[in-house]
PDB file of all heavy atoms in Angstrom:
ATOM      1  N   VAL A   1      44.810  49.895   7.816  1.00  0.00           N
ATOM      2  CA  VAL A   1      43.618  49.052   7.826  1.00  0.00           C
ATOM      3  C   VAL A   1      43.644  48.159   6.627  1.00  0.00           C
ATOM      4  O   VAL A   1      43.866  48.634   5.506  1.00  0.00           O
ATOM      5  CB  VAL A   1      42.340  49.949   7.799  1.00  0.00           C
ATOM      6  CG1 VAL A   1      41.117  49.103   7.809  1.00  0.00           C
ATOM      7  CG2 VAL A   1      42.342  50.900   9.020  1.00  0.00           C
ATOM      8  N   SER A   2      43.440  46.868   6.831  1.00  0.00           N
ATOM      9  CA  SER A   2      43.398  45.883   5.728  1.00  0.00           C
ATOM     10  C   SER A   2      42.078  45.240   5.602  1.00  0.00           C
ATOM     11  O   SER A   2      41.442  44.868   6.620  1.00  0.00           O
ATOM     12  CB  SER A   2      44.491  44.845   5.955  1.00  0.00           C
ATOM     13  OG  SER A   2      44.441  43.850   4.925  1.00  0.00           O
ATOM     14  N   SER A   3      41.585  45.082   4.363  1.00  0.00           N
ATOM     15  CA  SER A   3      40.348  44.388   4.126  1.00  0.00           C
ATOM     16  C   SER A   3      40.569  42.860   4.101  1.00  0.00           C
ATOM     17  O   SER A   3      39.604  42.114   4.069  1.00  0.00           O
ATOM     18  CB  SER A   3      39.754  44.841   2.877  1.00  0.00           C
ATOM     19  OG  SER A   3      40.582  44.474   1.740  1.00  0.00           O
ATOM     20  N   ARG A   4      41.790  42.425   4.158  1.00  0.00           N
ATOM     21  CA  ARG A   4      42.146  40.983   4.069  1.00  0.00           C
ATOM     22  C   ARG A   4      43.177  40.635   5.188  1.00  0.00           C
ATOM     23  O   ARG A   4      44.220  41.281   5.251  1.00  0.00           O
ATOM     24  CB  ARG A   4      42.702  40.642   2.740  1.00  0.00           C
ATOM     25  CG  ARG A   4      41.713  40.876   1.546  1.00  0.00           C
ATOM     26  CD  ARG A   4      42.399  40.620   0.245  1.00  0.00           C
ATOM     27  NE  ARG A   4      41.519  40.856  -0.893  1.00  0.00           N
ATOM     28  CZ  ARG A   4      41.933  40.932  -2.145  1.00  0.00           C
ATOM     29  NH1 ARG A   4      43.183  40.815  -2.434  1.00  0.00           N
ATOM     30  NH2 ARG A   4      40.958  41.148  -3.131  1.00  0.00           N
ATOM     31  N   PRO A   5      42.860  39.663   5.971  1.00  0.00           N
ATOM     32  CA  PRO A   5      43.816  39.233   7.032  1.00  0.00           C
ATOM     33  C   PRO A   5      45.104  38.700   6.453  1.00  0.00           C
ATOM     34  O   PRO A   5      46.152  38.641   7.202  1.00  0.00           O
ATOM     35  CB  PRO A   5      43.076  38.221   7.853  1.00  0.00           C
ATOM     36  CG  PRO A   5      42.013  37.721   6.944  1.00  0.00           C
ATOM     37  CD  PRO A   5      41.588  38.827   6.055  1.00  0.00           C
ATOM     38  N   SER A   6      45.082  38.201   5.206  1.00  0.00           N
ATOM     39  CA  SER A   6      46.248  37.630   4.603  1.00  0.00           C
ATOM     40  C   SER A   6      47.146  38.642   3.864  1.00  0.00           C
ATOM     41  O   SER A   6      48.197  38.258   3.296  1.00  0.00           O
ATOM     42  CB  SER A   6      45.865  36.540   3.624  1.00  0.00           C
ATOM     43  OG  SER A   6      45.036  37.052   2.602  1.00  0.00           O
ATOM     44  N   ALA A   7      46.768  39.916   3.832  1.00  0.00           N
ATOM     45  CA  ALA A   7      47.488  40.932   3.119  1.00  0.00           C
ATOM     46  C   ALA A   7      48.916  41.013   3.602  1.00  0.00           C
ATOM     47  O   ALA A   7      49.138  41.213   4.781  1.00  0.00           O
ATOM     48  CB  ALA A   7      46.768  42.283   3.234  1.00  0.00           C
ATOM     49  N   LYS A   8      49.857  40.918   2.698  1.00  0.00           N
ATOM     50  CA  LYS A   8      51.281  41.015   3.038  1.00  0.00           C
ATOM     51  C   LYS A   8      51.607  42.430   3.594  1.00  0.00           C
ATOM     52  O   LYS A   8      52.625  42.614   4.282  1.00  0.00           O
ATOM     53  CB  LYS A   8      52.183  40.679   1.879  1.00  0.00           C
ATOM     54  CG  LYS A   8      52.067  39.163   1.470  1.00  0.00           C
ATOM     55  CD  LYS A   8      52.999  38.841   0.342  1.00  0.00           C
ATOM     56  CE  LYS A   8      52.919  37.371  -0.039  1.00  0.00           C
ATOM     57  NZ  LYS A   8      53.835  37.019  -1.161  1.00  0.00           N
ATOM     58  N   GLY A   9      50.864  43.396   3.222  1.00  0.00           N
ATOM     59  CA  GLY A   9      51.074  44.750   3.698  1.00  0.00           C
ATOM     60  C   GLY A   9      50.982  44.833   5.218  1.00  0.00           C
ATOM     61  O   GLY A   9      51.667  45.746   5.812  1.00  0.00           O
ATOM     62  N   LEU A  10      50.208  43.979   5.847  1.00  0.00           N
ATOM     63  CA  LEU A  10      50.162  43.933   7.339  1.00  0.00           C
ATOM     64  C   LEU A  10      51.532  43.652   7.916  1.00  0.00           C
ATOM     65  O   LEU A  10      51.879  44.276   8.928  1.00  0.00           O
ATOM     66  CB  LEU A  10      49.124  42.945   7.756  1.00  0.00           C
ATOM     67  CG  LEU A  10      47.692  43.292   7.543  1.00  0.00           C
ATOM     68  CD1 LEU A  10      46.786  42.065   7.774  1.00  0.00           C
ATOM     69  CD2 LEU A  10      47.244  44.521   8.364  1.00  0.00           C
ATOM     70  N   GLN A  11      52.298  42.751   7.325  1.00  0.00           N
ATOM     71  CA  GLN A  11      53.581  42.454   7.816  1.00  0.00           C
ATOM     72  C   GLN A  11      54.533  43.616   7.624  1.00  0.00           C
ATOM     73  O   GLN A  11      55.388  43.881   8.516  1.00  0.00           O
ATOM     74  CB  GLN A  11      54.145  41.235   7.053  1.00  0.00           C
ATOM     75  CG  GLN A  11      53.305  39.984   7.183  1.00  0.00           C
ATOM     76  CD  GLN A  11      53.788  38.865   6.289  1.00  0.00           C
ATOM     77  OE1 GLN A  11      54.924  38.834   5.807  1.00  0.00           O
ATOM     78  NE2 GLN A  11      52.928  37.885   6.017  1.00  0.00           N
ATOM     79  N   ARG A  12      54.348  44.348   6.548  1.00  0.00           N
ATOM     80  CA  ARG A  12      55.213  45.547   6.344  1.00  0.00           C
ATOM     81  C   ARG A  12      54.957  46.599   7.471  1.00  0.00           C
ATOM     82  O   ARG A  12      55.844  47.171   7.996  1.00  0.00           O
ATOM     83  CB  ARG A  12      54.915  46.196   4.990  1.00  0.00           C
ATOM     84  CG  ARG A  12      55.265  45.305   3.865  1.00  0.00           C
ATOM     85  CD  ARG A  12      54.864  46.010   2.544  1.00  0.00           C
ATOM     86  NE  ARG A  12      54.994  45.215   1.340  1.00  0.00           N
ATOM     87  CZ  ARG A  12      56.122  45.054   0.616  1.00  0.00           C
ATOM     88  NH1 ARG A  12      57.212  45.698   0.977  1.00  0.00           N
ATOM     89  NH2 ARG A  12      56.196  44.267  -0.432  1.00  0.00           N
ATOM     90  N   ALA A  13      53.642  46.788   7.797  1.00  0.00           N
ATOM     91  CA  ALA A  13      53.275  47.685   8.845  1.00  0.00           C
ATOM     92  C   ALA A  13      53.833  47.259  10.169  1.00  0.00           C
ATOM     93  O   ALA A  13      54.367  48.054  10.980  1.00  0.00           O
ATOM     94  CB  ALA A  13      51.747  47.843   8.866  1.00  0.00           C
ATOM     95  N   GLU A  14      53.676  45.992  10.481  1.00  0.00           N
ATOM     96  CA  GLU A  14      54.099  45.478  11.792  1.00  0.00           C
ATOM     97  C   GLU A  14      55.610  45.596  11.935  1.00  0.00           C
ATOM     98  O   GLU A  14      56.137  45.958  13.019  1.00  0.00           O
ATOM     99  CB  GLU A  14      53.650  44.047  11.930  1.00  0.00           C
ATOM    100  CG  GLU A  14      52.126  43.921  12.139  1.00  0.00           C
ATOM    101  CD  GLU A  14      51.595  42.540  11.871  1.00  0.00           C
ATOM    102  OE1 GLU A  14      52.400  41.627  11.604  1.00  0.00           O
ATOM    103  OE2 GLU A  14      50.377  42.370  11.985  1.00  0.00           O
ATOM    104  N   ARG A  15      56.353  45.368  10.830  1.00  0.00           N
ATOM    105  CA  ARG A  15      57.833  45.512  10.938  1.00  0.00           C
ATOM    106  C   ARG A  15      58.233  46.983  11.171  1.00  0.00           C
ATOM    107  O   ARG A  15      59.253  47.236  11.779  1.00  0.00           O
ATOM    108  CB  ARG A  15      58.499  45.022   9.601  1.00  0.00           C
ATOM    109  CG  ARG A  15      58.503  43.507   9.448  1.00  0.00           C
ATOM    110  CD  ARG A  15      59.540  43.127   8.361  1.00  0.00           C
ATOM    111  NE  ARG A  15      59.156  43.605   7.029  1.00  0.00           N
ATOM    112  CZ  ARG A  15      58.365  42.938   6.146  1.00  0.00           C
ATOM    113  NH1 ARG A  15      57.901  41.693   6.473  1.00  0.00           N
ATOM    114  NH2 ARG A  15      58.084  43.440   4.956  1.00  0.00           N
ATOM    115  N   ALA A  16      57.366  47.855  10.726  1.00  0.00           N
ATOM    116  CA  ALA A  16      57.671  49.310  10.930  1.00  0.00           C
ATOM    117  C   ALA A  16      57.104  49.791  12.275  1.00  0.00           C
ATOM    118  O   ALA A  16      57.149  51.022  12.580  1.00  0.00           O
ATOM    119  CB  ALA A  16      57.095  50.130   9.748  1.00  0.00           C
ATOM    120  N   GLY A  17      56.492  48.911  13.026  1.00  0.00           N
ATOM    121  CA  GLY A  17      55.921  49.352  14.355  1.00  0.00           C
ATOM    122  C   GLY A  17      54.630  50.118  14.214  1.00  0.00           C
ATOM    123  O   GLY A  17      54.285  50.883  15.141  1.00  0.00           O
ATOM    124  N   ILE A  18      53.883  49.914  13.177  1.00  0.00           N
ATOM    125  CA  ILE A  18      52.655  50.632  12.928  1.00  0.00           C
ATOM    126  C   ILE A  18      51.487  49.740  13.355  1.00  0.00           C
ATOM    127  O   ILE A  18      51.404  48.569  13.029  1.00  0.00           O
ATOM    128  CB  ILE A  18      52.460  51.038  11.450  1.00  0.00           C
ATOM    129  CG1 ILE A  18      53.691  51.901  11.011  1.00  0.00           C
ATOM    130  CG2 ILE A  18      51.223  51.757  11.207  1.00  0.00           C
ATOM    131  CD1 ILE A  18      53.767  52.045   9.467  1.00  0.00           C
ATOM    132  N   GLN A  19      50.517  50.336  14.033  1.00  0.00           N
ATOM    133  CA  GLN A  19      49.371  49.580  14.496  1.00  0.00           C
ATOM    134  C   GLN A  19      48.491  49.244  13.279  1.00  0.00           C
ATOM    135  O   GLN A  19      48.345  50.014  12.316  1.00  0.00           O
ATOM    136  CB  GLN A  19      48.557  50.399  15.494  1.00  0.00           C
ATOM    137  CG  GLN A  19      47.409  49.604  16.150  1.00  0.00           C
ATOM    138  CD  GLN A  19      46.812  50.276  17.301  1.00  0.00           C
ATOM    139  OE1 GLN A  19      47.429  51.260  17.876  1.00  0.00           O
ATOM    140  NE2 GLN A  19      45.632  49.863  17.749  1.00  0.00           N
ATOM    141  N   THR A  20      47.894  48.039  13.334  1.00  0.00           N
ATOM    142  CA  THR A  20      47.067  47.568  12.221  1.00  0.00           C
ATOM    143  C   THR A  20      45.703  47.178  12.671  1.00  0.00           C
ATOM    144  O   THR A  20      45.452  46.944  13.870  1.00  0.00           O
ATOM    145  CB  THR A  20      47.712  46.370  11.526  1.00  0.00           C
ATOM    146  OG1 THR A  20      47.804  45.291  12.450  1.00  0.00           O
ATOM    147  CG2 THR A  20      49.130  46.707  11.026  1.00  0.00           C
ATOM    148  N   LEU A  21      44.743  47.141  11.709  1.00  0.00           N
ATOM    149  CA  LEU A  21      43.397  46.723  11.973  1.00  0.00           C
ATOM    150  C   LEU A  21      42.924  45.947  10.810  1.00  0.00           C
ATOM    151  O   LEU A  21      43.008  46.386   9.653  1.00  0.00           O
ATOM    152  CB  LEU A  21      42.487  47.950  12.203  1.00  0.00           C
ATOM    153  CG  LEU A  21      40.990  47.702  12.228  1.00  0.00           C
ATOM    154  CD1 LEU A  21      40.621  46.881  13.504  1.00  0.00           C
ATOM    155  CD2 LEU A  21      40.229  48.988  12.187  1.00  0.00           C
ATOM    156  N   THR A  22      42.341  44.738  11.088  1.00  0.00           N
ATOM    157  CA  THR A  22      41.709  43.945  10.027  1.00  0.00           C
ATOM    158  C   THR A  22      40.354  43.573  10.517  1.00  0.00           C
ATOM    159  O   THR A  22      40.145  43.046  11.668  1.00  0.00           O
ATOM    160  CB  THR A  22      42.544  42.632   9.776  1.00  0.00           C
ATOM    161  OG1 THR A  22      43.886  42.962   9.438  1.00  0.00           O
ATOM    162  CG2 THR A  22      41.893  41.832   8.602  1.00  0.00           C
ATOM    163  N   LEU A  23      39.335  43.871   9.698  1.00  0.00           N
ATOM    164  CA  LEU A  23      37.955  43.562  10.057  1.00  0.00           C
ATOM    165  C   LEU A  23      37.604  42.187   9.535  1.00  0.00           C
ATOM    166  O   LEU A  23      38.088  41.697   8.495  1.00  0.00           O
ATOM    167  CB  LEU A  23      37.025  44.625   9.460  1.00  0.00           C
ATOM    168  CG  LEU A  23      37.275  46.042   9.879  1.00  0.00           C
ATOM    169  CD1 LEU A  23      36.165  47.014   9.323  1.00  0.00           C
ATOM    170  CD2 LEU A  23      37.318  46.219  11.415  1.00  0.00           C
ATOM    171  N   SER A  24      36.642  41.546  10.198  1.00  0.00           N
ATOM    172  CA  SER A  24      36.197  40.229   9.793  1.00  0.00           C
ATOM    173  C   SER A  24      35.315  40.310   8.521  1.00  0.00           C
ATOM    174  O   SER A  24      34.745  41.395   8.198  1.00  0.00           O
ATOM    175  CB  SER A  24      35.391  39.595  10.888  1.00  0.00           C
ATOM    176  OG  SER A  24      34.162  40.256  11.112  1.00  0.00           O
ATOM    177  N   LYS A  25      35.168  39.178   7.855  1.00  0.00           N
ATOM    178  CA  LYS A  25      34.320  39.160   6.683  1.00  0.00           C
ATOM    179  C   LYS A  25      32.855  39.428   7.087  1.00  0.00           C
ATOM    180  O   LYS A  25      32.081  40.031   6.265  1.00  0.00           O
ATOM    181  CB  LYS A  25      34.342  37.732   6.063  1.00  0.00           C
ATOM    182  CG  LYS A  25      35.664  37.467   5.365  1.00  0.00           C
ATOM    183  CD  LYS A  25      35.614  36.057   4.721  1.00  0.00           C
ATOM    184  CE  LYS A  25      36.905  35.796   3.984  1.00  0.00           C
ATOM    185  NZ  LYS A  25      36.902  34.414   3.383  1.00  0.00           N
ATOM    186  N   GLU A  26      32.499  39.077   8.270  1.00  0.00           N
ATOM    187  CA  GLU A  26      31.115  39.368   8.744  1.00  0.00           C
ATOM    188  C   GLU A  26      30.807  40.851   8.832  1.00  0.00           C
ATOM    189  O   GLU A  26      29.731  41.346   8.394  1.00  0.00           O
ATOM    190  CB  GLU A  26      30.863  38.704  10.071  1.00  0.00           C
ATOM    191  CG  GLU A  26      30.784  37.180  10.057  1.00  0.00           C
ATOM    192  CD  GLU A  26      32.173  36.515   9.909  1.00  0.00           C
ATOM    193  OE1 GLU A  26      33.183  37.212  10.152  1.00  0.00           O
ATOM    194  OE2 GLU A  26      32.223  35.329   9.515  1.00  0.00           O
ATOM    195  N   ILE A  27      31.737  41.597   9.328  1.00  0.00           N
ATOM    196  CA  ILE A  27      31.568  43.084   9.409  1.00  0.00           C
ATOM    197  C   ILE A  27      31.596  43.626   7.994  1.00  0.00           C
ATOM    198  O   ILE A  27      30.773  44.500   7.609  1.00  0.00           O
ATOM    199  CB  ILE A  27      32.671  43.728  10.268  1.00  0.00           C
ATOM    200  CG1 ILE A  27      32.530  43.302  11.702  1.00  0.00           C
ATOM    201  CG2 ILE A  27      32.613  45.272  10.159  1.00  0.00           C
ATOM    202  CD1 ILE A  27      33.526  43.761  12.656  1.00  0.00           C
ATOM    203  N   TYR A  28      32.508  43.191   7.119  1.00  0.00           N
ATOM    204  CA  TYR A  28      32.564  43.686   5.775  1.00  0.00           C
ATOM    205  C   TYR A  28      31.351  43.351   4.908  1.00  0.00           C
ATOM    206  O   TYR A  28      31.120  43.957   3.861  1.00  0.00           O
ATOM    207  CB  TYR A  28      33.873  43.212   5.044  1.00  0.00           C
ATOM    208  CG  TYR A  28      35.050  44.179   5.198  1.00  0.00           C
ATOM    209  CD1 TYR A  28      36.253  43.750   5.800  1.00  0.00           C
ATOM    210  CD2 TYR A  28      34.919  45.443   4.714  1.00  0.00           C
ATOM    211  CE1 TYR A  28      37.283  44.648   5.905  1.00  0.00           C
ATOM    212  CE2 TYR A  28      35.958  46.382   4.820  1.00  0.00           C
ATOM    213  CZ  TYR A  28      37.179  45.943   5.430  1.00  0.00           C
ATOM    214  OH  TYR A  28      38.205  46.787   5.523  1.00  0.00           O
ATOM    215  N   ALA A  29      30.608  42.363   5.392  1.00  0.00           N
ATOM    216  CA  ALA A  29      29.377  42.015   4.620  1.00  0.00           C
ATOM    217  C   ALA A  29      28.426  43.189   4.604  1.00  0.00           C
ATOM    218  O   ALA A  29      27.606  43.266   3.681  1.00  0.00           O
ATOM    219  CB  ALA A  29      28.716  40.760   5.275  1.00  0.00           C
TER     220      ALA A  29
END
């Protein structure tokens, strides 16, 4: 789970075949 859609860690997860979730700023508000 990433708090930022631009987080480079998301790419690491995707390369490893791990499912990811990023919430919108509106939800995080």
